[in-house]
Amino acid sequence: MKISVELTLTPLKDDYESHIIEFIKELRKSEFKVLENPLSTQIYGEYDALMTFLTRTIKQSFLDIDIAVLNMKVVKTDRSDYEPDF
């Protein structure tokens, strides 16, 4: 099944920007479609493969950051082609 995942990583430390950039770079290296905006990053793919990848990538990011919050929304469909109609 295809899913869409929206991620927002928020390191709770002064040098937060470098951690966010590294996290996004890891997402970009994947086989999945990745779209970014100023507030979040969306990634799209097959459920099992994408969730396995995200589990590994999020864990590595958490190992590199003392304290962080990760907000994640999962939608059960591929929304990568969504365009607003307004």
N, C-alpha and C. Protein backbone atom coordinates (compact mmCIF):
# COMPACT_ATOMS: atom_id res chain seq x y z
N MET A 1 0.84 -1.18 0.00
CA MET A 1 0.00 0.00 0.00
C MET A 1 0.88 1.24 0.00
N LYS A 2 0.48 2.23 -0.73
CA LYS A 2 1.23 3.49 -0.80
C LYS A 2 0.82 4.41 0.34
N ILE A 3 1.82 5.14 0.86
CA ILE A 3 1.56 6.11 1.92
C ILE A 3 2.29 7.42 1.63
N SER A 4 1.81 8.46 2.29
CA SER A 4 2.45 9.77 2.29
C SER A 4 2.77 10.10 3.74
N VAL A 5 3.98 10.58 3.99
CA VAL A 5 4.39 10.88 5.36
C VAL A 5 4.92 12.31 5.40
N GLU A 6 4.40 13.09 6.34
CA GLU A 6 4.89 14.45 6.56
C GLU A 6 5.71 14.45 7.85
N LEU A 7 6.93 14.97 7.78
CA LEU A 7 7.84 14.96 8.91
C LEU A 7 8.29 16.38 9.25
N THR A 8 8.33 16.67 10.55
CA THR A 8 8.91 17.92 11.04
C THR A 8 9.82 17.57 12.21
N LEU A 9 11.12 17.72 12.00
CA LEU A 9 12.11 17.45 13.04
C LEU A 9 12.42 18.76 13.75
N THR A 10 12.34 18.74 15.09
CA THR A 10 12.62 19.94 15.88
C THR A 10 13.62 19.60 16.98
N PRO A 11 14.91 19.77 16.69
CA PRO A 11 15.91 19.58 17.76
C PRO A 11 15.77 20.70 18.79
N LEU A 12 15.81 20.37 20.05
CA LEU A 12 15.67 21.36 21.12
C LEU A 12 17.04 21.77 21.63
N LYS A 13 17.78 22.44 20.76
CA LYS A 13 19.12 22.91 21.11
C LYS A 13 19.48 24.08 20.20
N ASP A 14 20.53 24.80 20.56
CA ASP A 14 20.90 26.00 19.83
C ASP A 14 21.34 25.73 18.40
N ASP A 15 22.07 24.65 18.16
CA ASP A 15 22.56 24.37 16.81
C ASP A 15 21.61 23.43 16.06
N TYR A 16 20.34 23.73 16.11
CA TYR A 16 19.30 22.87 15.52
C TYR A 16 19.39 22.75 14.01
N GLU A 17 19.81 23.82 13.34
CA GLU A 17 19.75 23.86 11.88
C GLU A 17 20.58 22.75 11.23
N SER A 18 21.77 22.51 11.71
CA SER A 18 22.64 21.49 11.11
C SER A 18 22.02 20.10 11.23
N HIS A 19 21.33 19.83 12.31
CA HIS A 19 20.68 18.53 12.50
C HIS A 19 19.51 18.35 11.54
N ILE A 20 18.75 19.40 11.32
CA ILE A 20 17.63 19.34 10.38
C ILE A 20 18.16 19.12 8.97
N ILE A 21 19.20 19.83 8.60
CA ILE A 21 19.78 19.70 7.26
C ILE A 21 20.28 18.27 7.04
N GLU A 22 20.96 17.69 8.02
CA GLU A 22 21.46 16.32 7.88
C GLU A 22 20.31 15.32 7.74
N PHE A 23 19.25 15.53 8.50
CA PHE A 23 18.09 14.65 8.42
C PHE A 23 17.47 14.70 7.03
N ILE A 24 17.30 15.90 6.49
CA ILE A 24 16.72 16.05 5.15
C ILE A 24 17.65 15.45 4.09
N LYS A 25 18.94 15.63 4.23
CA LYS A 25 19.89 15.03 3.28
C LYS A 25 19.77 13.52 3.26
N GLU A 26 19.59 12.91 4.43
CA GLU A 26 19.40 11.46 4.49
C GLU A 26 18.12 11.04 3.78
N LEU A 27 17.07 11.81 3.96
CA LEU A 27 15.81 11.51 3.26
C LEU A 27 16.00 11.62 1.76
N ARG A 28 16.71 12.63 1.31
CA ARG A 28 16.95 12.84 -0.13
C ARG A 28 17.74 11.69 -0.76
N LYS A 29 18.63 11.06 0.01
CA LYS A 29 19.45 9.96 -0.50
C LYS A 29 18.64 8.69 -0.76
N SER A 30 17.43 8.65 -0.27
CA SER A 30 16.62 7.44 -0.37
C SER A 30 16.07 7.25 -1.78
N GLU A 31 15.44 6.10 -1.96
CA GLU A 31 14.79 5.78 -3.24
C GLU A 31 13.41 6.41 -3.35
N PHE A 32 12.95 7.08 -2.30
CA PHE A 32 11.59 7.59 -2.24
C PHE A 32 11.50 9.02 -2.76
N LYS A 33 10.30 9.40 -3.18
CA LYS A 33 10.06 10.77 -3.61
C LYS A 33 9.99 11.65 -2.36
N VAL A 34 10.75 12.76 -2.37
CA VAL A 34 10.81 13.67 -1.23
C VAL A 34 10.48 15.06 -1.72
N LEU A 35 9.54 15.73 -1.03
CA LEU A 35 9.20 17.12 -1.31
C LEU A 35 9.39 17.91 -0.02
N GLU A 36 9.88 19.12 -0.16
CA GLU A 36 10.17 19.94 1.02
C GLU A 36 9.45 21.27 0.92
N ASN A 37 9.12 21.83 2.08
CA ASN A 37 8.65 23.20 2.17
C ASN A 37 9.27 23.79 3.44
N PRO A 38 9.07 25.06 3.72
CA PRO A 38 9.74 25.65 4.88
C PRO A 38 9.37 25.04 6.24
N LEU A 39 8.24 24.37 6.34
CA LEU A 39 7.79 23.87 7.63
C LEU A 39 7.90 22.37 7.81
N SER A 40 7.98 21.62 6.72
CA SER A 40 8.02 20.16 6.84
C SER A 40 8.59 19.54 5.58
N THR A 41 8.79 18.24 5.66
CA THR A 41 9.25 17.46 4.52
C THR A 41 8.28 16.31 4.33
N GLN A 42 7.90 16.07 3.08
CA GLN A 42 7.01 14.96 2.77
C GLN A 42 7.81 13.91 2.02
N ILE A 43 7.50 12.65 2.32
CA ILE A 43 8.15 11.54 1.65
C ILE A 43 7.07 10.51 1.31
N TYR A 44 7.20 9.88 0.14
CA TYR A 44 6.14 9.03 -0.40
C TYR A 44 6.70 7.68 -0.83
N GLY A 45 5.93 6.61 -0.58
CA GLY A 45 6.38 5.31 -1.03
C GLY A 45 5.50 4.18 -0.51
N GLU A 46 5.98 2.96 -0.74
CA GLU A 46 5.28 1.77 -0.24
C GLU A 46 5.46 1.68 1.27
N TYR A 47 4.39 1.32 1.97
CA TYR A 47 4.37 1.34 3.44
C TYR A 47 5.55 0.61 4.06
N ASP A 48 5.71 -0.67 3.76
CA ASP A 48 6.75 -1.46 4.45
C ASP A 48 8.15 -0.91 4.22
N ALA A 49 8.47 -0.61 2.98
CA ALA A 49 9.81 -0.10 2.66
C ALA A 49 10.03 1.28 3.27
N LEU A 50 9.05 2.15 3.17
CA LEU A 50 9.21 3.51 3.68
C LEU A 50 9.29 3.53 5.20
N MET A 51 8.45 2.77 5.88
CA MET A 51 8.49 2.77 7.35
C MET A 51 9.78 2.15 7.87
N THR A 52 10.30 1.14 7.18
CA THR A 52 11.59 0.56 7.56
C THR A 52 12.70 1.60 7.42
N PHE A 53 12.70 2.29 6.30
CA PHE A 53 13.69 3.35 6.07
C PHE A 53 13.56 4.45 7.12
N LEU A 54 12.34 4.91 7.39
CA LEU A 54 12.15 5.99 8.35
C LEU A 54 12.55 5.58 9.76
N THR A 55 12.26 4.36 10.15
CA THR A 55 12.66 3.88 11.48
C THR A 55 14.17 3.98 11.65
N ARG A 56 14.89 3.52 10.66
CA ARG A 56 16.36 3.56 10.72
C ARG A 56 16.88 5.01 10.69
N THR A 57 16.31 5.84 9.83
CA THR A 57 16.78 7.22 9.67
C THR A 57 16.45 8.08 10.88
N ILE A 58 15.26 7.92 11.43
CA ILE A 58 14.87 8.67 12.62
C ILE A 58 15.74 8.25 13.81
N LYS A 59 15.97 6.97 13.96
CA LYS A 59 16.82 6.50 15.06
C LYS A 59 18.21 7.11 14.98
N GLN A 60 18.82 7.11 13.79
CA GLN A 60 20.15 7.69 13.64
C GLN A 60 20.14 9.17 13.98
N SER A 61 19.12 9.87 13.54
CA SER A 61 19.00 11.29 13.85
C SER A 61 18.88 11.51 15.35
N PHE A 62 18.08 10.70 16.02
CA PHE A 62 17.92 10.82 17.47
C PHE A 62 19.22 10.51 18.22
N LEU A 63 20.03 9.60 17.69
CA LEU A 63 21.31 9.31 18.32
C LEU A 63 22.26 10.49 18.24
N ASP A 64 22.09 11.34 17.23
CA ASP A 64 22.96 12.49 17.02
C ASP A 64 22.50 13.76 17.74
N ILE A 65 21.29 13.73 18.32
CA ILE A 65 20.71 14.91 18.96
C ILE A 65 20.38 14.57 20.41
N ASP A 66 20.70 15.47 21.33
CA ASP A 66 20.40 15.21 22.74
C ASP A 66 18.89 15.13 22.99
N ILE A 67 18.17 16.16 22.55
CA ILE A 67 16.72 16.23 22.75
C ILE A 67 16.09 16.73 21.46
N ALA A 68 15.04 16.05 21.01
CA ALA A 68 14.37 16.46 19.78
C ALA A 68 12.91 16.00 19.81
N VAL A 69 12.11 16.68 19.01
CA VAL A 69 10.72 16.30 18.79
C VAL A 69 10.57 16.02 17.30
N LEU A 70 9.90 14.93 16.98
CA LEU A 70 9.62 14.62 15.58
C LEU A 70 8.10 14.48 15.44
N ASN A 71 7.51 15.36 14.65
CA ASN A 71 6.09 15.24 14.33
C ASN A 71 5.97 14.49 13.02
N MET A 72 5.09 13.49 12.99
CA MET A 72 4.92 12.69 11.79
C MET A 72 3.44 12.45 11.55
N LYS A 73 3.03 12.72 10.32
CA LYS A 73 1.66 12.42 9.90
C LYS A 73 1.74 11.40 8.78
N VAL A 74 0.91 10.38 8.85
CA VAL A 74 0.90 9.33 7.84
C VAL A 74 -0.48 9.30 7.21
N VAL A 75 -0.51 9.35 5.88
CA VAL A 75 -1.76 9.30 5.13
C VAL A 75 -1.75 8.04 4.28
N LYS A 76 -2.82 7.30 4.31
CA LYS A 76 -2.88 6.04 3.56
C LYS A 76 -3.28 6.30 2.11
N THR A 77 -2.39 6.92 1.39
CA THR A 77 -2.51 7.14 -0.05
C THR A 77 -1.28 7.91 -0.51
N ASP A 78 -1.02 7.92 -1.78
CA ASP A 78 0.09 8.70 -2.33
C ASP A 78 -0.45 10.07 -2.71
N ARG A 79 -0.06 11.09 -1.96
CA ARG A 79 -0.52 12.45 -2.21
C ARG A 79 0.55 13.31 -2.90
N SER A 80 1.54 12.67 -3.48
CA SER A 80 2.66 13.41 -4.06
C SER A 80 2.27 14.29 -5.24
N ASP A 81 1.13 14.00 -5.86
CA ASP A 81 0.70 14.81 -7.01
C ASP A 81 -0.35 15.86 -6.62
N TYR A 82 -0.60 16.06 -5.34
CA TYR A 82 -1.60 17.02 -4.90
C TYR A 82 -1.22 18.44 -5.28
N GLU A 83 -2.20 19.15 -5.84
CA GLU A 83 -2.05 20.57 -6.12
C GLU A 83 -3.31 21.27 -5.67
N PRO A 84 -3.20 22.34 -4.89
CA PRO A 84 -4.39 23.05 -4.43
C PRO A 84 -5.19 23.62 -5.61
N ASP A 85 -6.49 23.67 -5.47
CA ASP A 85 -7.32 24.18 -6.57
C ASP A 85 -7.91 25.55 -6.24
N PHE A 86 -7.18 26.32 -5.45
CA PHE A 86 -7.66 27.67 -5.11
C PHE A 86 -6.60 28.69 -5.43
